[in-house]
Amino acid sequence: MATAKKVPAKAPAKKAAPAKAPAAKKTPAAKRTPNAAFMKALTPSPALAAVVGTAPLPRTEIVSKLWVYIKKHDLQDKANKRNINADAKLKLIFGKDQVSMFELASLIGKHVS
């Protein structure tokens, strides 16, 4: 009886990885231009002026100055930092003892012209 030679099984051929395209040069992203409505200077009401000053400011600056006041006077709620406890000056603006930070912008809208 003749024995046949065992032929090793061929390993599957590896597919060549597709050639990578040359790296395209990235162009720097264009700088965002601020919305003109946000940059319009608004005059604060007397109650709001007691906190942020009497000079006309853009809405973004008013919110920033309010946060500076809140942090300086430690008015964030200790248990829930998203809530702001109003002192005497802020109670005139907010109309209540405590507000959420998400309500802040809408409450300011009533005090600017």
PDB file of N, CA and C in Angstrom:
ATOM      1  N   MET A   1       0.824  -1.133   0.000  1.00  0.00           N
ATOM      2  CA  MET A   1       0.000   0.000   0.000  1.00  0.00           C
ATOM      3  C   MET A   1       0.893   1.228   0.000  1.00  0.00           C
ATOM      4  N   ALA A   2       0.570   2.081  -0.892  1.00  0.00           N
ATOM      5  CA  ALA A   2       1.395   3.279  -1.031  1.00  0.00           C
ATOM      6  C   ALA A   2       0.806   4.379  -0.184  1.00  0.00           C
ATOM      7  N   THR A   3       1.691   5.068   0.502  1.00  0.00           N
ATOM      8  CA  THR A   3       1.197   6.173   1.318  1.00  0.00           C
ATOM      9  C   THR A   3       1.421   7.478   0.572  1.00  0.00           C
ATOM     10  N   ALA A   4       0.406   8.247   0.606  1.00  0.00           N
ATOM     11  CA  ALA A   4       0.484   9.536  -0.095  1.00  0.00           C
ATOM     12  C   ALA A   4       1.147  10.546   0.825  1.00  0.00           C
ATOM     13  N   LYS A   5       1.896  11.372   0.219  1.00  0.00           N
ATOM     14  CA  LYS A   5       2.539  12.442   0.985  1.00  0.00           C
ATOM     15  C   LYS A   5       1.489  13.440   1.407  1.00  0.00           C
ATOM     16  N   LYS A   6       1.583  13.872   2.663  1.00  0.00           N
ATOM     17  CA  LYS A   6       0.641  14.899   3.112  1.00  0.00           C
ATOM     18  C   LYS A   6       1.138  16.243   2.626  1.00  0.00           C
ATOM     19  N   VAL A   7       0.261  16.929   1.955  1.00  0.00           N
ATOM     20  CA  VAL A   7       0.580  18.261   1.456  1.00  0.00           C
ATOM     21  C   VAL A   7       0.064  19.254   2.497  1.00  0.00           C
ATOM     22  N   PRO A   8       0.940  20.124   2.999  1.00  0.00           N
ATOM     23  CA  PRO A   8       0.458  21.095   3.992  1.00  0.00           C
ATOM     24  C   PRO A   8      -0.613  22.000   3.382  1.00  0.00           C
ATOM     25  N   ALA A   9      -1.608  22.276   4.178  1.00  0.00           N
ATOM     26  CA  ALA A   9      -2.691  23.156   3.708  1.00  0.00           C
ATOM     27  C   ALA A   9      -2.161  24.560   3.531  1.00  0.00           C
ATOM     28  N   LYS A  10      -2.617  25.162   2.480  1.00  0.00           N
ATOM     29  CA  LYS A  10      -2.170  26.537   2.219  1.00  0.00           C
ATOM     30  C   LYS A  10      -2.880  27.487   3.181  1.00  0.00           C
ATOM     31  N   ALA A  11      -2.138  28.382   3.715  1.00  0.00           N
ATOM     32  CA  ALA A  11      -2.719  29.418   4.558  1.00  0.00           C
ATOM     33  C   ALA A  11      -3.437  30.394   3.651  1.00  0.00           C
ATOM     34  N   PRO A  12      -4.576  30.910   4.113  1.00  0.00           N
ATOM     35  CA  PRO A  12      -5.275  31.875   3.252  1.00  0.00           C
ATOM     36  C   PRO A  12      -4.383  33.082   2.995  1.00  0.00           C
ATOM     37  N   ALA A  13      -4.439  33.543   1.780  1.00  0.00           N
ATOM     38  CA  ALA A  13      -3.613  34.690   1.387  1.00  0.00           C
ATOM     39  C   ALA A  13      -4.095  35.932   2.122  1.00  0.00           C
ATOM     40  N   LYS A  14      -3.162  36.702   2.639  1.00  0.00           N
ATOM     41  CA  LYS A  14      -3.518  37.947   3.321  1.00  0.00           C
ATOM     42  C   LYS A  14      -3.819  39.002   2.281  1.00  0.00           C
ATOM     43  N   LYS A  15      -4.874  39.719   2.549  1.00  0.00           N
ATOM     44  CA  LYS A  15      -5.220  40.819   1.648  1.00  0.00           C
ATOM     45  C   LYS A  15      -4.349  42.007   2.009  1.00  0.00           C
ATOM     46  N   ALA A  16      -3.889  42.655   1.020  1.00  0.00           N
ATOM     47  CA  ALA A  16      -3.062  43.835   1.248  1.00  0.00           C
ATOM     48  C   ALA A  16      -3.945  44.946   1.782  1.00  0.00           C
ATOM     49  N   ALA A  17      -3.463  45.643   2.782  1.00  0.00           N
ATOM     50  CA  ALA A  17      -4.207  46.768   3.347  1.00  0.00           C
ATOM     51  C   ALA A  17      -4.285  47.861   2.285  1.00  0.00           C
ATOM     52  N   PRO A  18      -5.442  48.503   2.180  1.00  0.00           N
ATOM     53  CA  PRO A  18      -5.542  49.572   1.186  1.00  0.00           C
ATOM     54  C   PRO A  18      -4.551  50.687   1.520  1.00  0.00           C
ATOM     55  N   ALA A  19      -3.997  51.227   0.505  1.00  0.00           N
ATOM     56  CA  ALA A  19      -3.023  52.307   0.697  1.00  0.00           C
ATOM     57  C   ALA A  19      -3.729  53.521   1.265  1.00  0.00           C
ATOM     58  N   LYS A  20      -3.122  54.131   2.265  1.00  0.00           N
ATOM     59  CA  LYS A  20      -3.709  55.322   2.862  1.00  0.00           C
ATOM     60  C   LYS A  20      -3.472  56.507   1.953  1.00  0.00           C
ATOM     61  N   ALA A  21      -4.481  57.337   1.895  1.00  0.00           N
ATOM     62  CA  ALA A  21      -4.349  58.554   1.100  1.00  0.00           C
ATOM     63  C   ALA A  21      -3.380  59.479   1.821  1.00  0.00           C
ATOM     64  N   PRO A  22      -2.644  60.254   1.087  1.00  0.00           N
ATOM     65  CA  PRO A  22      -1.741  61.190   1.757  1.00  0.00           C
ATOM     66  C   PRO A  22      -2.539  62.119   2.664  1.00  0.00           C
ATOM     67  N   ALA A  23      -1.979  62.409   3.807  1.00  0.00           N
ATOM     68  CA  ALA A  23      -2.663  63.251   4.788  1.00  0.00           C
ATOM     69  C   ALA A  23      -2.903  64.637   4.204  1.00  0.00           C
ATOM     70  N   ALA A  24      -4.180  65.021   4.226  1.00  0.00           N
ATOM     71  CA  ALA A  24      -4.527  66.346   3.722  1.00  0.00           C
ATOM     72  C   ALA A  24      -4.168  67.375   4.778  1.00  0.00           C
ATOM     73  N   LYS A  25      -3.728  68.503   4.358  1.00  0.00           N
ATOM     74  CA  LYS A  25      -3.393  69.565   5.309  1.00  0.00           C
ATOM     75  C   LYS A  25      -4.688  70.119   5.879  1.00  0.00           C
ATOM     76  N   LYS A  26      -4.751  70.179   7.197  1.00  0.00           N
ATOM     77  CA  LYS A  26      -5.945  70.704   7.843  1.00  0.00           C
ATOM     78  C   LYS A  26      -5.884  72.225   7.839  1.00  0.00           C
ATOM     79  N   THR A  27      -6.973  72.810   7.422  1.00  0.00           N
ATOM     80  CA  THR A  27      -7.044  74.268   7.464  1.00  0.00           C
ATOM     81  C   THR A  27      -7.613  74.656   8.815  1.00  0.00           C
ATOM     82  N   PRO A  28      -7.114  75.694   9.434  1.00  0.00           N
ATOM     83  CA  PRO A  28      -7.653  76.092  10.738  1.00  0.00           C
ATOM     84  C   PRO A  28      -9.115  76.507  10.592  1.00  0.00           C
ATOM     85  N   ALA A  29      -9.909  76.133  11.569  1.00  0.00           N
ATOM     86  CA  ALA A  29     -11.332  76.471  11.543  1.00  0.00           C
ATOM     87  C   ALA A  29     -11.511  77.977  11.639  1.00  0.00           C
ATOM     88  N   ALA A  30     -12.493  78.456  10.933  1.00  0.00           N
ATOM     89  CA  ALA A  30     -12.766  79.891  10.962  1.00  0.00           C
ATOM     90  C   ALA A  30     -13.257  80.265  12.355  1.00  0.00           C
ATOM     91  N   LYS A  31     -12.835  81.411  12.857  1.00  0.00           N
ATOM     92  CA  LYS A  31     -13.265  81.866  14.182  1.00  0.00           C
ATOM     93  C   LYS A  31     -14.744  82.204  14.127  1.00  0.00           C
ATOM     94  N   ARG A  32     -15.438  81.817  15.192  1.00  0.00           N
ATOM     95  CA  ARG A  32     -16.862  82.122  15.269  1.00  0.00           C
ATOM     96  C   ARG A  32     -17.043  83.608  15.517  1.00  0.00           C
ATOM     97  N   THR A  33     -17.968  84.173  14.818  1.00  0.00           N
ATOM     98  CA  THR A  33     -18.281  85.579  15.061  1.00  0.00           C
ATOM     99  C   THR A  33     -19.456  85.620  16.027  1.00  0.00           C
ATOM    100  N   PRO A  34     -19.394  86.439  17.052  1.00  0.00           N
ATOM    101  CA  PRO A  34     -20.484  86.500  18.023  1.00  0.00           C
ATOM    102  C   PRO A  34     -21.749  87.069  17.392  1.00  0.00           C
ATOM    103  N   ASN A  35     -22.869  86.590  17.870  1.00  0.00           N
ATOM    104  CA  ASN A  35     -24.158  87.073  17.406  1.00  0.00           C
ATOM    105  C   ASN A  35     -24.325  88.520  17.864  1.00  0.00           C
ATOM    106  N   ALA A  36     -24.718  89.378  16.955  1.00  0.00           N
ATOM    107  CA  ALA A  36     -24.839  90.808  17.261  1.00  0.00           C
ATOM    108  C   ALA A  36     -25.865  91.070  18.364  1.00  0.00           C
ATOM    109  N   ALA A  37     -26.900  90.226  18.434  1.00  0.00           N
ATOM    110  CA  ALA A  37     -27.927  90.433  19.462  1.00  0.00           C
ATOM    111  C   ALA A  37     -27.353  90.240  20.864  1.00  0.00           C
ATOM    112  N   PHE A  38     -26.389  89.328  21.009  1.00  0.00           N
ATOM    113  CA  PHE A  38     -25.784  89.110  22.317  1.00  0.00           C
ATOM    114  C   PHE A  38     -24.811  90.212  22.684  1.00  0.00           C
ATOM    115  N   MET A  39     -24.271  90.879  21.699  1.00  0.00           N
ATOM    116  CA  MET A  39     -23.257  91.902  21.962  1.00  0.00           C
ATOM    117  C   MET A  39     -23.845  93.303  22.116  1.00  0.00           C
ATOM    118  N   LYS A  40     -25.146  93.444  21.900  1.00  0.00           N
ATOM    119  CA  LYS A  40     -25.795  94.749  22.030  1.00  0.00           C
ATOM    120  C   LYS A  40     -25.773  95.179  23.499  1.00  0.00           C
ATOM    121  N   ALA A  41     -25.317  96.387  23.749  1.00  0.00           N
ATOM    122  CA  ALA A  41     -25.249  96.896  25.118  1.00  0.00           C
ATOM    123  C   ALA A  41     -26.653  97.196  25.625  1.00  0.00           C
ATOM    124  N   LEU A  42     -26.970  96.663  26.790  1.00  0.00           N
ATOM    125  CA  LEU A  42     -28.282  96.848  27.412  1.00  0.00           C
ATOM    126  C   LEU A  42     -28.113  97.610  28.717  1.00  0.00           C
ATOM    127  N   THR A  43     -29.067  98.482  28.996  1.00  0.00           N
ATOM    128  CA  THR A  43     -29.026  99.275  30.221  1.00  0.00           C
ATOM    129  C   THR A  43     -29.720  98.508  31.338  1.00  0.00           C
ATOM    130  N   PRO A  44     -29.038  98.241  32.446  1.00  0.00           N
ATOM    131  CA  PRO A  44     -29.667  97.505  33.550  1.00  0.00           C
ATOM    132  C   PRO A  44     -30.645  98.373  34.333  1.00  0.00           C
ATOM    133  N   SER A  45     -31.656  97.720  34.910  1.00  0.00           N
ATOM    134  CA  SER A  45     -32.613  98.418  35.776  1.00  0.00           C
ATOM    135  C   SER A  45     -31.889  98.830  37.050  1.00  0.00           C
ATOM    136  N   PRO A  46     -32.477  99.718  37.855  1.00  0.00           N
ATOM    137  CA  PRO A  46     -31.816 100.124  39.108  1.00  0.00           C
ATOM    138  C   PRO A  46     -31.511  98.947  40.040  1.00  0.00           C
ATOM    139  N   ALA A  47     -32.402  97.950  40.091  1.00  0.00           N
ATOM    140  CA  ALA A  47     -32.162  96.785  40.956  1.00  0.00           C
ATOM    141  C   ALA A  47     -30.969  95.982  40.458  1.00  0.00           C
ATOM    142  N   LEU A  48     -30.879  95.794  39.160  1.00  0.00           N
ATOM    143  CA  LEU A  48     -29.767  95.043  38.580  1.00  0.00           C
ATOM    144  C   LEU A  48     -28.484  95.862  38.617  1.00  0.00           C
ATOM    145  N   ALA A  49     -28.605  97.189  38.467  1.00  0.00           N
ATOM    146  CA  ALA A  49     -27.431  98.070  38.495  1.00  0.00           C
ATOM    147  C   ALA A  49     -26.740  98.027  39.856  1.00  0.00           C
ATOM    148  N   ALA A  50     -27.481  97.725  40.907  1.00  0.00           N
ATOM    149  CA  ALA A  50     -26.885  97.623  42.237  1.00  0.00           C
ATOM    150  C   ALA A  50     -25.895  96.459  42.318  1.00  0.00           C
ATOM    151  N   VAL A  51     -26.038  95.487  41.416  1.00  0.00           N
ATOM    152  CA  VAL A  51     -25.161  94.313  41.415  1.00  0.00           C
ATOM    153  C   VAL A  51     -24.083  94.417  40.347  1.00  0.00           C
ATOM    154  N   VAL A  52     -24.463  94.814  39.123  1.00  0.00           N
ATOM    155  CA  VAL A  52     -23.509  94.780  37.997  1.00  0.00           C
ATOM    156  C   VAL A  52     -22.975  96.147  37.592  1.00  0.00           C
ATOM    157  N   GLY A  53     -23.512  97.208  38.124  1.00  0.00           N
ATOM    158  CA  GLY A  53     -23.063  98.549  37.747  1.00  0.00           C
ATOM    159  C   GLY A  53     -24.062  99.210  36.806  1.00  0.00           C
ATOM    160  N   THR A  54     -23.917 100.525  36.636  1.00  0.00           N
ATOM    161  CA  THR A  54     -24.897 101.280  35.857  1.00  0.00           C
ATOM    162  C   THR A  54     -24.571 101.372  34.373  1.00  0.00           C
ATOM    163  N   ALA A  55     -23.359 101.042  33.981  1.00  0.00           N
ATOM    164  CA  ALA A  55     -22.958 101.166  32.578  1.00  0.00           C
ATOM    165  C   ALA A  55     -23.688 100.129  31.715  1.00  0.00           C
ATOM    166  N   PRO A  56     -24.075 100.518  30.492  1.00  0.00           N
ATOM    167  CA  PRO A  56     -24.692  99.545  29.587  1.00  0.00           C
ATOM    168  C   PRO A  56     -23.703  98.419  29.257  1.00  0.00           C
ATOM    169  N   LEU A  57     -24.190  97.186  29.327  1.00  0.00           N
ATOM    170  CA  LEU A  57     -23.359  96.008  29.100  1.00  0.00           C
ATOM    171  C   LEU A  57     -24.078  95.022  28.197  1.00  0.00           C
ATOM    172  N   PRO A  58     -23.329  94.199  27.451  1.00  0.00           N
ATOM    173  CA  PRO A  58     -23.969  93.105  26.717  1.00  0.00           C
ATOM    174  C   PRO A  58     -24.537  92.084  27.705  1.00  0.00           C
ATOM    175  N   ARG A  59     -25.531  91.358  27.269  1.00  0.00           N
ATOM    176  CA  ARG A  59     -26.186  90.358  28.115  1.00  0.00           C
ATOM    177  C   ARG A  59     -25.175  89.350  28.679  1.00  0.00           C
ATOM    178  N   THR A  60     -24.199  88.959  27.871  1.00  0.00           N
ATOM    179  CA  THR A  60     -23.202  87.989  28.319  1.00  0.00           C
ATOM    180  C   THR A  60     -22.384  88.532  29.486  1.00  0.00           C
ATOM    181  N   GLU A  61     -22.041  89.811  29.428  1.00  0.00           N
ATOM    182  CA  GLU A  61     -21.271  90.425  30.508  1.00  0.00           C
ATOM    183  C   GLU A  61     -22.106  90.563  31.774  1.00  0.00           C
ATOM    184  N   ILE A  62     -23.391  90.826  31.604  1.00  0.00           N
ATOM    185  CA  ILE A  62     -24.281  90.943  32.771  1.00  0.00           C
ATOM    186  C   ILE A  62     -24.330  89.610  33.511  1.00  0.00           C
ATOM    187  N   VAL A  63     -24.475  88.518  32.763  1.00  0.00           N
ATOM    188  CA  VAL A  63     -24.511  87.192  33.388  1.00  0.00           C
ATOM    189  C   VAL A  63     -23.178  86.898  34.064  1.00  0.00           C
ATOM    190  N   SER A  64     -22.072  87.249  33.419  1.00  0.00           N
ATOM    191  CA  SER A  64     -20.753  87.019  34.003  1.00  0.00           C
ATOM    192  C   SER A  64     -20.579  87.789  35.313  1.00  0.00           C
ATOM    193  N   LYS A  65     -20.995  89.047  35.308  1.00  0.00           N
ATOM    194  CA  LYS A  65     -20.860  89.862  36.525  1.00  0.00           C
ATOM    195  C   LYS A  65     -21.762  89.352  37.638  1.00  0.00           C
ATOM    196  N   LEU A  66     -22.934  88.842  37.287  1.00  0.00           N
ATOM    197  CA  LEU A  66     -23.811  88.250  38.292  1.00  0.00           C
ATOM    198  C   LEU A  66     -23.148  87.041  38.935  1.00  0.00           C
ATOM    199  N   TRP A  67     -22.498  86.199  38.120  1.00  0.00           N
ATOM    200  CA  TRP A  67     -21.817  85.032  38.668  1.00  0.00           C
ATOM    201  C   TRP A  67     -20.648  85.440  39.552  1.00  0.00           C
ATOM    202  N   VAL A  68     -19.955  86.497  39.197  1.00  0.00           N
ATOM    203  CA  VAL A  68     -18.867  86.990  40.053  1.00  0.00           C
ATOM    204  C   VAL A  68     -19.437  87.401  41.408  1.00  0.00           C
ATOM    205  N   TYR A  69     -20.562  88.110  41.399  1.00  0.00           N
ATOM    206  CA  TYR A  69     -21.221  88.543  42.633  1.00  0.00           C
ATOM    207  C   TYR A  69     -21.672  87.332  43.457  1.00  0.00           C
ATOM    208  N   ILE A  70     -22.265  86.345  42.783  1.00  0.00           N
ATOM    209  CA  ILE A  70     -22.766  85.146  43.469  1.00  0.00           C
ATOM    210  C   ILE A  70     -21.622  84.396  44.139  1.00  0.00           C
ATOM    211  N   LYS A  71     -20.517  84.232  43.426  1.00  0.00           N
ATOM    212  CA  LYS A  71     -19.365  83.509  43.985  1.00  0.00           C
ATOM    213  C   LYS A  71     -18.709  84.311  45.118  1.00  0.00           C
ATOM    214  N   LYS A  72     -18.594  85.637  44.939  1.00  0.00           N
ATOM    215  CA  LYS A  72     -17.948  86.483  45.945  1.00  0.00           C
ATOM    216  C   LYS A  72     -18.706  86.443  47.270  1.00  0.00           C
ATOM    217  N   HIS A  73     -20.033  86.436  47.194  1.00  0.00           N
ATOM    218  CA  HIS A  73     -20.859  86.460  48.396  1.00  0.00           C
ATOM    219  C   HIS A  73     -21.309  85.054  48.827  1.00  0.00           C
ATOM    220  N   ASP A  74     -20.748  84.015  48.199  1.00  0.00           N
ATOM    221  CA  ASP A  74     -21.015  82.614  48.548  1.00  0.00           C
ATOM    222  C   ASP A  74     -22.521  82.325  48.594  1.00  0.00           C
ATOM    223  N   LEU A  75     -23.198  82.609  47.477  1.00  0.00           N
ATOM    224  CA  LEU A  75     -24.650  82.471  47.439  1.00  0.00           C
ATOM    225  C   LEU A  75     -25.134  81.177  46.776  1.00  0.00           C
ATOM    226  N   GLN A  76     -24.211  80.335  46.293  1.00  0.00           N
ATOM    227  CA  GLN A  76     -24.634  79.053  45.748  1.00  0.00           C
ATOM    228  C   GLN A  76     -25.057  78.145  46.892  1.00  0.00           C
ATOM    229  N   ASP A  77     -26.126  77.389  46.680  1.00  0.00           N
ATOM    230  CA  ASP A  77     -26.612  76.471  47.693  1.00  0.00           C
ATOM    231  C   ASP A  77     -25.561  75.400  47.957  1.00  0.00           C
ATOM    232  N   LYS A  78     -25.313  75.091  49.214  1.00  0.00           N
ATOM    233  CA  LYS A  78     -24.271  74.110  49.565  1.00  0.00           C
ATOM    234  C   LYS A  78     -24.652  72.695  49.111  1.00  0.00           C
ATOM    235  N   ALA A  79     -25.922  72.333  49.256  1.00  0.00           N
ATOM    236  CA  ALA A  79     -26.365  70.984  48.911  1.00  0.00           C
ATOM    237  C   ALA A  79     -26.503  70.797  47.401  1.00  0.00           C
ATOM    238  N   ASN A  80     -27.031  71.800  46.717  1.00  0.00           N
ATOM    239  CA  ASN A  80     -27.253  71.705  45.271  1.00  0.00           C
ATOM    240  C   ASN A  80     -26.666  72.956  44.623  1.00  0.00           C
ATOM    241  N   LYS A  81     -25.495  72.827  44.051  1.00  0.00           N
ATOM    242  CA  LYS A  81     -24.769  73.983  43.506  1.00  0.00           C
ATOM    243  C   LYS A  81     -25.486  74.645  42.331  1.00  0.00           C
ATOM    244  N   ARG A  82     -26.520  73.993  41.791  1.00  0.00           N
ATOM    245  CA  ARG A  82     -27.261  74.593  40.686  1.00  0.00           C
ATOM    246  C   ARG A  82     -28.257  75.646  41.155  1.00  0.00           C
ATOM    247  N   ASN A  83     -28.484  75.710  42.439  1.00  0.00           N
ATOM    248  CA  ASN A  83     -29.409  76.693  42.993  1.00  0.00           C
ATOM    249  C   ASN A  83     -28.650  77.869  43.575  1.00  0.00           C
ATOM    250  N   ILE A  84     -29.256  79.041  43.443  1.00  0.00           N
ATOM    251  CA  ILE A  84     -28.658  80.273  43.942  1.00  0.00           C
ATOM    252  C   ILE A  84     -29.587  80.836  45.021  1.00  0.00           C
ATOM    253  N   ASN A  85     -29.026  81.069  46.191  1.00  0.00           N
ATOM    254  CA  ASN A  85     -29.783  81.665  47.285  1.00  0.00           C
ATOM    255  C   ASN A  85     -29.674  83.181  47.150  1.00  0.00           C
ATOM    256  N   ALA A  86     -30.800  83.852  47.142  1.00  0.00           N
ATOM    257  CA  ALA A  86     -30.810  85.298  46.935  1.00  0.00           C
ATOM    258  C   ALA A  86     -30.559  86.038  48.243  1.00  0.00           C
ATOM    259  N   ASP A  87     -29.682  87.051  48.164  1.00  0.00           N
ATOM    260  CA  ASP A  87     -29.536  87.967  49.288  1.00  0.00           C
ATOM    261  C   ASP A  87     -30.498  89.129  49.020  1.00  0.00           C
ATOM    262  N   ALA A  88     -30.395  90.195  49.781  1.00  0.00           N
ATOM    263  CA  ALA A  88     -31.339  91.316  49.647  1.00  0.00           C
ATOM    264  C   ALA A  88     -31.320  91.918  48.239  1.00  0.00           C
ATOM    265  N   LYS A  89     -30.122  92.103  47.663  1.00  0.00           N
ATOM    266  CA  LYS A  89     -30.020  92.715  46.333  1.00  0.00           C
ATOM    267  C   LYS A  89     -30.573  91.790  45.244  1.00  0.00           C
ATOM    268  N   LEU A  90     -30.236  90.501  45.346  1.00  0.00           N
ATOM    269  CA  LEU A  90     -30.682  89.565  44.318  1.00  0.00           C
ATOM    270  C   LEU A  90     -32.168  89.243  44.430  1.00  0.00           C
ATOM    271  N   LYS A  91     -32.717  89.356  45.624  1.00  0.00           N
ATOM    272  CA  LYS A  91     -34.143  89.078  45.785  1.00  0.00           C
ATOM    273  C   LYS A  91     -34.982  90.089  45.004  1.00  0.00           C
ATOM    274  N   LEU A  92     -34.472  91.332  44.883  1.00  0.00           N
ATOM    275  CA  LEU A  92     -35.176  92.332  44.073  1.00  0.00           C
ATOM    276  C   LEU A  92     -35.184  91.944  42.594  1.00  0.00           C
ATOM    277  N   ILE A  93     -34.144  91.265  42.152  1.00  0.00           N
ATOM    278  CA  ILE A  93     -34.042  90.845  40.752  1.00  0.00           C
ATOM    279  C   ILE A  93     -34.826  89.557  40.527  1.00  0.00           C
ATOM    280  N   PHE A  94     -34.631  88.567  41.411  1.00  0.00           N
ATOM    281  CA  PHE A  94     -35.237  87.259  41.218  1.00  0.00           C
ATOM    282  C   PHE A  94     -36.712  87.224  41.604  1.00  0.00           C
ATOM    283  N   GLY A  95     -37.070  87.954  42.634  1.00  0.00           N
ATOM    284  CA  GLY A  95     -38.451  87.937  43.106  1.00  0.00           C
ATOM    285  C   GLY A  95     -38.759  86.768  44.035  1.00  0.00           C
ATOM    286  N   LYS A  96     -37.762  85.935  44.346  1.00  0.00           N
ATOM    287  CA  LYS A  96     -37.950  84.824  45.281  1.00  0.00           C
ATOM    288  C   LYS A  96     -36.626  84.518  45.969  1.00  0.00           C
ATOM    289  N   ASP A  97     -36.683  83.642  46.975  1.00  0.00           N
ATOM    290  CA  ASP A  97     -35.503  83.363  47.795  1.00  0.00           C
ATOM    291  C   ASP A  97     -34.446  82.515  47.112  1.00  0.00           C
ATOM    292  N   GLN A  98     -34.872  81.617  46.216  1.00  0.00           N
ATOM    293  CA  GLN A  98     -33.918  80.716  45.569  1.00  0.00           C
ATOM    294  C   GLN A  98     -34.327  80.484  44.124  1.00  0.00           C
ATOM    295  N   VAL A  99     -33.335  80.501  43.233  1.00  0.00           N
ATOM    296  CA  VAL A  99     -33.600  80.236  41.815  1.00  0.00           C
ATOM    297  C   VAL A  99     -32.580  79.217  41.307  1.00  0.00           C
ATOM    298  N   SER A 100     -32.952  78.566  40.229  1.00  0.00           N
ATOM    299  CA  SER A 100     -32.040  77.644  39.564  1.00  0.00           C
ATOM    300  C   SER A 100     -31.149  78.453  38.632  1.00  0.00           C
ATOM    301  N   MET A 101     -29.930  77.971  38.406  1.00  0.00           N
ATOM    302  CA  MET A 101     -29.025  78.702  37.514  1.00  0.00           C
ATOM    303  C   MET A 101     -29.578  78.769  36.093  1.00  0.00           C
ATOM    304  N   PHE A 102     -30.484  77.856  35.748  1.00  0.00           N
ATOM    305  CA  PHE A 102     -31.071  77.850  34.416  1.00  0.00           C
ATOM    306  C   PHE A 102     -32.122  78.951  34.255  1.00  0.00           C
ATOM    307  N   GLU A 103     -32.677  79.437  35.352  1.00  0.00           N
ATOM    308  CA  GLU A 103     -33.649  80.525  35.332  1.00  0.00           C
ATOM    309  C   GLU A 103     -32.978  81.892  35.250  1.00  0.00           C
ATOM    310  N   LEU A 104     -31.705  81.931  35.530  1.00  0.00           N
ATOM    311  CA  LEU A 104     -30.968  83.193  35.676  1.00  0.00           C
ATOM    312  C   LEU A 104     -31.120  84.092  34.460  1.00  0.00           C
ATOM    313  N   ALA A 105     -30.899  83.577  33.270  1.00  0.00           N
ATOM    314  CA  ALA A 105     -30.946  84.398  32.061  1.00  0.00           C
ATOM    315  C   ALA A 105     -32.350  84.954  31.811  1.00  0.00           C
ATOM    316  N   SER A 106     -33.373  84.149  32.048  1.00  0.00           N
ATOM    317  CA  SER A 106     -34.732  84.644  31.805  1.00  0.00           C
ATOM    318  C   SER A 106     -35.126  85.717  32.822  1.00  0.00           C
ATOM    319  N   LEU A 107     -34.649  85.597  34.050  1.00  0.00           N
ATOM    320  CA  LEU A 107     -34.954  86.609  35.067  1.00  0.00           C
ATOM    321  C   LEU A 107     -34.239  87.937  34.780  1.00  0.00           C
ATOM    322  N   ILE A 108     -33.053  87.838  34.194  1.00  0.00           N
ATOM    323  CA  ILE A 108     -32.302  89.057  33.846  1.00  0.00           C
ATOM    324  C   ILE A 108     -33.015  89.827  32.741  1.00  0.00           C
ATOM    325  N   GLY A 109     -33.643  89.109  31.840  1.00  0.00           N
ATOM    326  CA  GLY A 109     -34.318  89.745  30.704  1.00  0.00           C
ATOM    327  C   GLY A 109     -35.352  90.772  31.111  1.00  0.00           C
ATOM    328  N   LYS A 110     -35.942  90.610  32.278  1.00  0.00           N
ATOM    329  CA  LYS A 110     -36.944  91.556  32.759  1.00  0.00           C
ATOM    330  C   LYS A 110     -36.325  92.830  33.307  1.00  0.00           C
ATOM    331  N   HIS A 111     -34.995  92.810  33.533  1.00  0.00           N
ATOM    332  CA  HIS A 111     -34.321  93.938  34.169  1.00  0.00           C
ATOM    333  C   HIS A 111     -33.345  94.671  33.252  1.00  0.00           C
ATOM    334  N   VAL A 112     -33.445  94.455  31.947  1.00  0.00           N
ATOM    335  CA  VAL A 112     -32.581  95.178  30.998  1.00  0.00           C
ATOM    336  C   VAL A 112     -33.450  95.816  29.925  1.00  0.00           C
ATOM    337  N   SER A 113     -32.952  96.912  29.400  1.00  0.00           N
ATOM    338  CA  SER A 113     -33.677  97.579  28.312  1.00  0.00           C
ATOM    339  C   SER A 113     -32.696  98.098  27.283  1.00  0.00           C
TER     340      SER A 113
END
